[in-house]
């Protein structure tokens, strides 16, 4: 249950115990759901009942990446973090890397030129 909602000033993030923080807003959660993550102040940040999870705030990139990685791992979904601006698309036979950056991007020991595309057979 949501006890209350808080808007957060830009310079007052709420640190999470496992790293990262909530910014912009957070909810004060109460109830009997399992606490998966908490804020450093002890309030639940992410709660769960079975496979249903509820996130009580706007996470920064550190917290969001950790939460999504853990959720994907729990469901057997492969993750592959990419550098900013790099996109990967796989087909049945090929892997394509698209660099949307104005500078080179490096991934997997390969450098993709600015606004470049690279592909390999799988």
N, C-alpha and C. Protein backbone atom coordinates (compact mmCIF):
# COMPACT_ATOMS: atom_id res chain seq x y z
N UNK A 1 0.83 -1.17 0.00
CA UNK A 1 0.00 0.00 0.00
C UNK A 1 0.88 1.24 0.00
N UNK A 2 0.43 2.26 -0.70
CA UNK A 2 1.16 3.52 -0.76
C UNK A 2 0.65 4.42 0.36
N UNK A 3 1.52 4.70 1.33
CA UNK A 3 1.13 5.56 2.45
C UNK A 3 1.15 7.02 2.05
N UNK A 4 2.15 7.41 1.25
CA UNK A 4 2.21 8.80 0.74
C UNK A 4 3.21 8.88 -0.39
N UNK A 5 3.13 9.95 -1.15
CA UNK A 5 4.03 10.19 -2.28
C UNK A 5 4.75 11.51 -2.01
N UNK A 6 6.04 11.53 -2.32
CA UNK A 6 6.84 12.74 -2.14
C UNK A 6 7.47 13.16 -3.45
N UNK A 7 7.38 14.44 -3.79
CA UNK A 7 8.18 15.01 -4.87
C UNK A 7 9.53 15.35 -4.26
N UNK A 8 10.60 15.08 -5.01
CA UNK A 8 11.94 15.31 -4.49
C UNK A 8 12.60 16.47 -5.23
N UNK A 9 13.18 17.42 -4.50
CA UNK A 9 13.95 18.47 -5.17
C UNK A 9 15.11 17.85 -5.95
N UNK A 10 15.55 18.48 -7.03
CA UNK A 10 16.62 17.91 -7.86
C UNK A 10 17.90 17.61 -7.10
N UNK A 11 18.18 18.34 -6.03
CA UNK A 11 19.43 18.15 -5.30
C UNK A 11 19.26 17.29 -4.04
N UNK A 12 18.12 16.58 -3.92
CA UNK A 12 17.87 15.75 -2.74
C UNK A 12 17.43 14.35 -3.15
N UNK A 13 18.34 13.55 -3.71
CA UNK A 13 17.98 12.17 -4.05
C UNK A 13 17.83 11.34 -2.77
N UNK A 14 17.12 10.24 -2.88
CA UNK A 14 16.96 9.30 -1.76
C UNK A 14 17.84 8.08 -2.05
N UNK A 15 18.97 7.93 -1.34
CA UNK A 15 19.87 6.81 -1.61
C UNK A 15 19.21 5.46 -1.31
N UNK A 16 19.50 4.49 -2.16
CA UNK A 16 19.03 3.13 -1.94
C UNK A 16 20.14 2.32 -1.29
N UNK A 17 19.77 1.38 -0.42
CA UNK A 17 20.75 0.62 0.36
C UNK A 17 21.71 -0.17 -0.53
N UNK A 18 21.23 -0.65 -1.70
CA UNK A 18 22.09 -1.46 -2.57
C UNK A 18 22.82 -0.62 -3.62
N UNK A 19 22.68 0.69 -3.56
CA UNK A 19 23.35 1.57 -4.51
C UNK A 19 22.36 2.30 -5.38
N UNK A 20 22.78 3.44 -5.90
CA UNK A 20 21.89 4.27 -6.69
C UNK A 20 20.93 5.03 -5.78
N UNK A 21 19.94 5.64 -6.39
CA UNK A 21 19.02 6.48 -5.62
C UNK A 21 17.72 6.70 -6.39
N UNK A 22 16.70 7.12 -5.65
CA UNK A 22 15.49 7.64 -6.27
C UNK A 22 15.68 9.13 -6.46
N UNK A 23 15.16 9.66 -7.55
CA UNK A 23 15.14 11.11 -7.76
C UNK A 23 13.76 11.46 -8.31
N UNK A 24 13.42 12.69 -8.34
CA UNK A 24 12.16 13.22 -8.86
C UNK A 24 10.99 12.93 -7.91
N UNK A 25 10.74 11.65 -7.59
CA UNK A 25 9.66 11.31 -6.64
C UNK A 25 9.91 9.95 -6.03
N UNK A 26 9.25 9.70 -4.91
CA UNK A 26 9.27 8.39 -4.27
C UNK A 26 7.97 8.20 -3.51
N UNK A 27 7.64 6.95 -3.27
CA UNK A 27 6.45 6.61 -2.51
C UNK A 27 6.88 5.93 -1.22
N UNK A 28 6.16 6.19 -0.17
CA UNK A 28 6.37 5.49 1.10
C UNK A 28 5.44 4.28 1.07
N UNK A 29 6.02 3.08 0.99
CA UNK A 29 5.26 1.85 0.85
C UNK A 29 5.11 1.16 2.20
N UNK A 30 3.92 0.63 2.45
CA UNK A 30 3.65 -0.15 3.66
C UNK A 30 2.92 -1.41 3.26
N UNK A 31 2.96 -2.42 4.10
CA UNK A 31 2.19 -3.62 3.83
C UNK A 31 2.97 -4.89 4.08
N UNK A 32 2.43 -5.98 3.53
CA UNK A 32 2.99 -7.30 3.82
C UNK A 32 3.80 -7.88 2.67
N UNK A 33 3.95 -7.14 1.58
CA UNK A 33 4.74 -7.65 0.45
C UNK A 33 6.20 -7.79 0.87
N UNK A 34 6.91 -8.71 0.20
CA UNK A 34 8.34 -8.90 0.46
C UNK A 34 9.12 -7.67 0.03
N UNK A 35 9.99 -7.18 0.89
CA UNK A 35 10.84 -6.04 0.55
C UNK A 35 12.06 -6.58 -0.19
N UNK A 36 12.17 -6.22 -1.47
CA UNK A 36 13.30 -6.66 -2.30
C UNK A 36 14.45 -5.67 -2.17
N UNK A 37 14.13 -4.39 -2.14
CA UNK A 37 15.12 -3.33 -1.94
C UNK A 37 14.53 -2.28 -1.03
N UNK A 38 15.41 -1.63 -0.27
CA UNK A 38 14.97 -0.56 0.62
C UNK A 38 15.83 0.68 0.39
N UNK A 39 15.30 1.81 0.79
CA UNK A 39 16.08 3.04 0.80
C UNK A 39 16.98 3.01 2.02
N UNK A 40 18.00 3.83 2.04
CA UNK A 40 18.89 3.87 3.20
C UNK A 40 18.16 4.30 4.46
N UNK A 41 17.03 5.01 4.31
CA UNK A 41 16.26 5.42 5.49
C UNK A 41 15.35 4.30 6.00
N UNK A 42 15.41 3.12 5.37
CA UNK A 42 14.65 1.98 5.85
C UNK A 42 13.31 1.74 5.17
N UNK A 43 12.80 2.71 4.42
CA UNK A 43 11.52 2.53 3.74
C UNK A 43 11.69 1.59 2.55
N UNK A 44 10.72 0.71 2.31
CA UNK A 44 10.80 -0.16 1.14
C UNK A 44 10.86 0.65 -0.16
N UNK A 45 11.69 0.20 -1.09
CA UNK A 45 11.82 0.86 -2.39
C UNK A 45 11.24 -0.01 -3.50
N UNK A 46 11.43 -1.33 -3.36
CA UNK A 46 10.93 -2.29 -4.33
C UNK A 46 10.35 -3.45 -3.54
N UNK A 47 9.08 -3.75 -3.79
CA UNK A 47 8.42 -4.84 -3.08
C UNK A 47 7.89 -5.85 -4.09
N UNK A 48 7.63 -7.08 -3.60
CA UNK A 48 7.17 -8.12 -4.51
C UNK A 48 6.19 -9.05 -3.80
N UNK A 49 5.28 -9.57 -4.60
CA UNK A 49 4.42 -10.69 -4.23
C UNK A 49 4.48 -11.65 -5.39
N UNK A 50 5.19 -12.76 -5.19
CA UNK A 50 5.40 -13.69 -6.30
C UNK A 50 6.21 -13.00 -7.39
N UNK A 51 5.72 -13.07 -8.63
CA UNK A 51 6.43 -12.44 -9.75
C UNK A 51 6.04 -10.98 -9.96
N UNK A 52 5.06 -10.50 -9.22
CA UNK A 52 4.62 -9.11 -9.36
C UNK A 52 5.49 -8.22 -8.47
N UNK A 53 6.15 -7.24 -9.08
CA UNK A 53 7.00 -6.30 -8.37
C UNK A 53 6.43 -4.89 -8.49
N UNK A 54 6.66 -4.09 -7.45
CA UNK A 54 6.22 -2.70 -7.46
C UNK A 54 7.40 -1.83 -7.03
N UNK A 55 7.76 -0.88 -7.88
CA UNK A 55 8.87 0.04 -7.62
C UNK A 55 8.29 1.36 -7.14
N UNK A 56 8.69 1.78 -5.96
CA UNK A 56 8.10 2.97 -5.34
C UNK A 56 8.90 4.24 -5.54
N UNK A 57 9.36 4.51 -6.74
CA UNK A 57 10.08 5.75 -7.00
C UNK A 57 10.71 5.74 -8.37
N UNK A 58 11.34 6.85 -8.71
CA UNK A 58 12.00 7.01 -10.00
C UNK A 58 13.49 6.74 -9.78
N UNK A 59 14.01 5.58 -10.24
CA UNK A 59 15.41 5.25 -9.97
C UNK A 59 16.37 5.96 -10.92
N UNK A 60 17.57 6.22 -10.41
CA UNK A 60 18.62 6.73 -11.29
C UNK A 60 19.15 5.56 -12.13
N UNK A 61 20.10 5.84 -13.01
CA UNK A 61 20.61 4.81 -13.92
C UNK A 61 21.25 3.63 -13.18
N UNK A 62 21.97 3.91 -12.10
CA UNK A 62 22.63 2.84 -11.34
C UNK A 62 21.59 1.87 -10.78
N UNK A 63 20.58 2.41 -10.12
CA UNK A 63 19.55 1.56 -9.52
C UNK A 63 18.71 0.87 -10.59
N UNK A 64 18.33 1.59 -11.64
CA UNK A 64 17.51 1.00 -12.69
C UNK A 64 18.23 -0.17 -13.38
N UNK A 65 19.51 0.02 -13.69
CA UNK A 65 20.26 -1.06 -14.33
C UNK A 65 20.32 -2.30 -13.44
N UNK A 66 20.56 -2.11 -12.15
CA UNK A 66 20.63 -3.24 -11.23
C UNK A 66 19.28 -3.95 -11.12
N UNK A 67 18.21 -3.19 -10.97
CA UNK A 67 16.87 -3.76 -10.81
C UNK A 67 16.46 -4.52 -12.07
N UNK A 68 16.68 -3.93 -13.23
CA UNK A 68 16.32 -4.61 -14.48
C UNK A 68 17.18 -5.84 -14.73
N UNK A 69 18.47 -5.74 -14.44
CA UNK A 69 19.36 -6.89 -14.63
C UNK A 69 18.91 -8.06 -13.75
N UNK A 70 18.58 -7.78 -12.49
CA UNK A 70 18.13 -8.83 -11.57
C UNK A 70 16.80 -9.43 -12.04
N UNK A 71 15.88 -8.60 -12.50
CA UNK A 71 14.58 -9.10 -12.98
C UNK A 71 14.75 -9.98 -14.22
N UNK A 72 15.62 -9.55 -15.14
CA UNK A 72 15.87 -10.35 -16.34
C UNK A 72 16.54 -11.68 -15.98
N UNK A 73 17.52 -11.63 -15.09
CA UNK A 73 18.22 -12.86 -14.69
C UNK A 73 17.25 -13.85 -14.05
N UNK A 74 16.31 -13.35 -13.25
CA UNK A 74 15.34 -14.22 -12.60
C UNK A 74 14.44 -14.94 -13.60
N UNK A 75 14.25 -14.35 -14.78
CA UNK A 75 13.41 -14.95 -15.82
C UNK A 75 14.21 -15.62 -16.92
N UNK A 76 15.55 -15.66 -16.75
CA UNK A 76 16.40 -16.31 -17.75
C UNK A 76 16.57 -15.49 -19.02
N UNK A 77 16.42 -14.19 -18.92
CA UNK A 77 16.58 -13.30 -20.08
C UNK A 77 18.01 -12.77 -20.09
N UNK A 78 18.70 -13.00 -21.20
CA UNK A 78 20.08 -12.53 -21.36
C UNK A 78 20.11 -11.02 -21.47
N UNK A 79 21.06 -10.39 -20.80
CA UNK A 79 21.26 -8.95 -20.93
C UNK A 79 22.67 -8.70 -21.45
N UNK A 80 22.85 -7.60 -22.14
CA UNK A 80 24.14 -7.23 -22.69
C UNK A 80 24.25 -5.72 -22.69
N UNK A 81 24.76 -5.13 -21.61
CA UNK A 81 24.86 -3.67 -21.54
C UNK A 81 25.71 -3.13 -22.69
N UNK A 82 25.21 -2.10 -23.34
CA UNK A 82 25.91 -1.47 -24.46
C UNK A 82 26.32 -0.05 -24.08
N UNK A 83 27.37 0.45 -24.70
CA UNK A 83 27.74 1.85 -24.46
C UNK A 83 26.65 2.80 -24.97
N UNK A 84 26.65 3.98 -24.43
CA UNK A 84 25.69 5.01 -24.84
C UNK A 84 25.68 5.16 -26.36
N UNK A 85 24.51 5.18 -26.96
CA UNK A 85 24.36 5.42 -28.39
C UNK A 85 24.56 4.21 -29.29
N UNK A 86 24.94 3.08 -28.74
CA UNK A 86 25.14 1.88 -29.55
C UNK A 86 23.92 0.98 -29.43
N UNK A 87 23.42 0.49 -30.56
CA UNK A 87 22.26 -0.40 -30.58
C UNK A 87 22.65 -1.70 -31.27
N UNK A 88 22.09 -2.81 -30.77
CA UNK A 88 22.39 -4.13 -31.33
C UNK A 88 21.08 -4.77 -31.78
N UNK A 89 21.11 -5.37 -32.96
CA UNK A 89 19.97 -6.12 -33.47
C UNK A 89 20.48 -7.46 -33.97
N UNK A 90 19.80 -8.52 -33.57
CA UNK A 90 20.18 -9.86 -33.99
C UNK A 90 19.10 -10.44 -34.89
N UNK A 91 19.54 -11.12 -35.95
CA UNK A 91 18.63 -11.89 -36.78
C UNK A 91 19.01 -13.35 -36.59
N UNK A 92 18.38 -14.22 -37.31
CA UNK A 92 18.70 -15.64 -37.20
C UNK A 92 20.13 -15.93 -37.63
N UNK A 93 20.69 -15.10 -38.52
CA UNK A 93 22.01 -15.39 -39.06
C UNK A 93 23.06 -14.31 -38.80
N UNK A 94 22.64 -13.08 -38.45
CA UNK A 94 23.60 -11.98 -38.32
C UNK A 94 23.34 -11.15 -37.06
N UNK A 95 24.39 -10.45 -36.64
CA UNK A 95 24.30 -9.46 -35.57
C UNK A 95 24.71 -8.12 -36.16
N UNK A 96 23.88 -7.10 -35.94
CA UNK A 96 24.12 -5.75 -36.44
C UNK A 96 24.36 -4.81 -35.26
N UNK A 97 25.37 -3.94 -35.38
CA UNK A 97 25.65 -2.91 -34.40
C UNK A 97 25.54 -1.56 -35.09
N UNK A 98 24.71 -0.68 -34.54
CA UNK A 98 24.49 0.67 -35.08
C UNK A 98 25.01 1.68 -34.08
N UNK A 99 25.92 2.54 -34.52
CA UNK A 99 26.47 3.57 -33.66
C UNK A 99 25.81 4.90 -33.98
N UNK A 100 24.96 5.39 -33.08
CA UNK A 100 24.27 6.66 -33.26
C UNK A 100 25.08 7.84 -32.75
N UNK A 101 26.28 7.60 -32.28
CA UNK A 101 27.12 8.64 -31.70
C UNK A 101 27.89 9.41 -32.77
N UNK A 102 28.30 10.65 -32.44
CA UNK A 102 29.19 11.40 -33.34
C UNK A 102 30.66 11.03 -33.11
N UNK A 103 30.90 10.06 -32.25
CA UNK A 103 32.26 9.59 -31.95
C UNK A 103 32.27 8.06 -32.05
N UNK A 104 33.44 7.45 -32.20
CA UNK A 104 33.49 5.98 -32.28
C UNK A 104 32.97 5.33 -30.99
N UNK A 105 32.41 4.15 -31.14
CA UNK A 105 31.95 3.36 -29.99
C UNK A 105 32.69 2.03 -29.98
N UNK A 106 33.05 1.56 -28.79
CA UNK A 106 33.75 0.29 -28.66
C UNK A 106 32.84 -0.71 -27.96
N UNK A 107 32.82 -1.94 -28.51
CA UNK A 107 32.02 -3.01 -27.90
C UNK A 107 32.58 -4.34 -28.37
N UNK A 108 32.82 -5.23 -27.44
CA UNK A 108 33.30 -6.58 -27.78
C UNK A 108 34.61 -6.59 -28.52
N UNK A 109 35.49 -5.62 -28.22
CA UNK A 109 36.79 -5.57 -28.89
C UNK A 109 36.75 -4.98 -30.28
N UNK A 110 35.62 -4.41 -30.67
CA UNK A 110 35.46 -3.83 -32.01
C UNK A 110 35.15 -2.34 -31.86
N UNK A 111 35.69 -1.53 -32.77
CA UNK A 111 35.38 -0.11 -32.80
C UNK A 111 34.45 0.16 -33.96
N UNK A 112 33.30 0.75 -33.67
CA UNK A 112 32.31 1.11 -34.69
C UNK A 112 32.44 2.62 -34.92
N UNK A 113 32.67 3.06 -36.16
CA UNK A 113 32.90 4.48 -36.41
C UNK A 113 31.65 5.31 -36.11
N UNK A 114 31.81 6.63 -35.98
CA UNK A 114 30.66 7.50 -35.75
C UNK A 114 29.59 7.29 -36.82
N UNK A 115 28.34 7.21 -36.41
CA UNK A 115 27.21 7.00 -37.33
C UNK A 115 27.44 5.77 -38.21
N UNK A 116 28.18 4.79 -37.68
CA UNK A 116 28.53 3.62 -38.46
C UNK A 116 27.70 2.39 -38.14
N UNK A 117 27.81 1.41 -39.01
CA UNK A 117 27.14 0.13 -38.85
C UNK A 117 28.17 -0.98 -39.04
N UNK A 118 28.08 -2.00 -38.22
CA UNK A 118 28.93 -3.16 -38.37
C UNK A 118 28.07 -4.39 -38.24
N UNK A 119 28.35 -5.43 -39.02
CA UNK A 119 27.60 -6.66 -38.88
C UNK A 119 28.53 -7.85 -39.00
N UNK A 120 28.12 -8.93 -38.36
CA UNK A 120 28.87 -10.17 -38.39
C UNK A 120 27.88 -11.33 -38.49
N UNK A 121 28.37 -12.43 -39.00
CA UNK A 121 27.55 -13.64 -38.99
C UNK A 121 27.60 -14.19 -37.56
N UNK A 122 26.52 -14.81 -37.17
CA UNK A 122 26.47 -15.39 -35.83
C UNK A 122 27.23 -16.69 -35.79
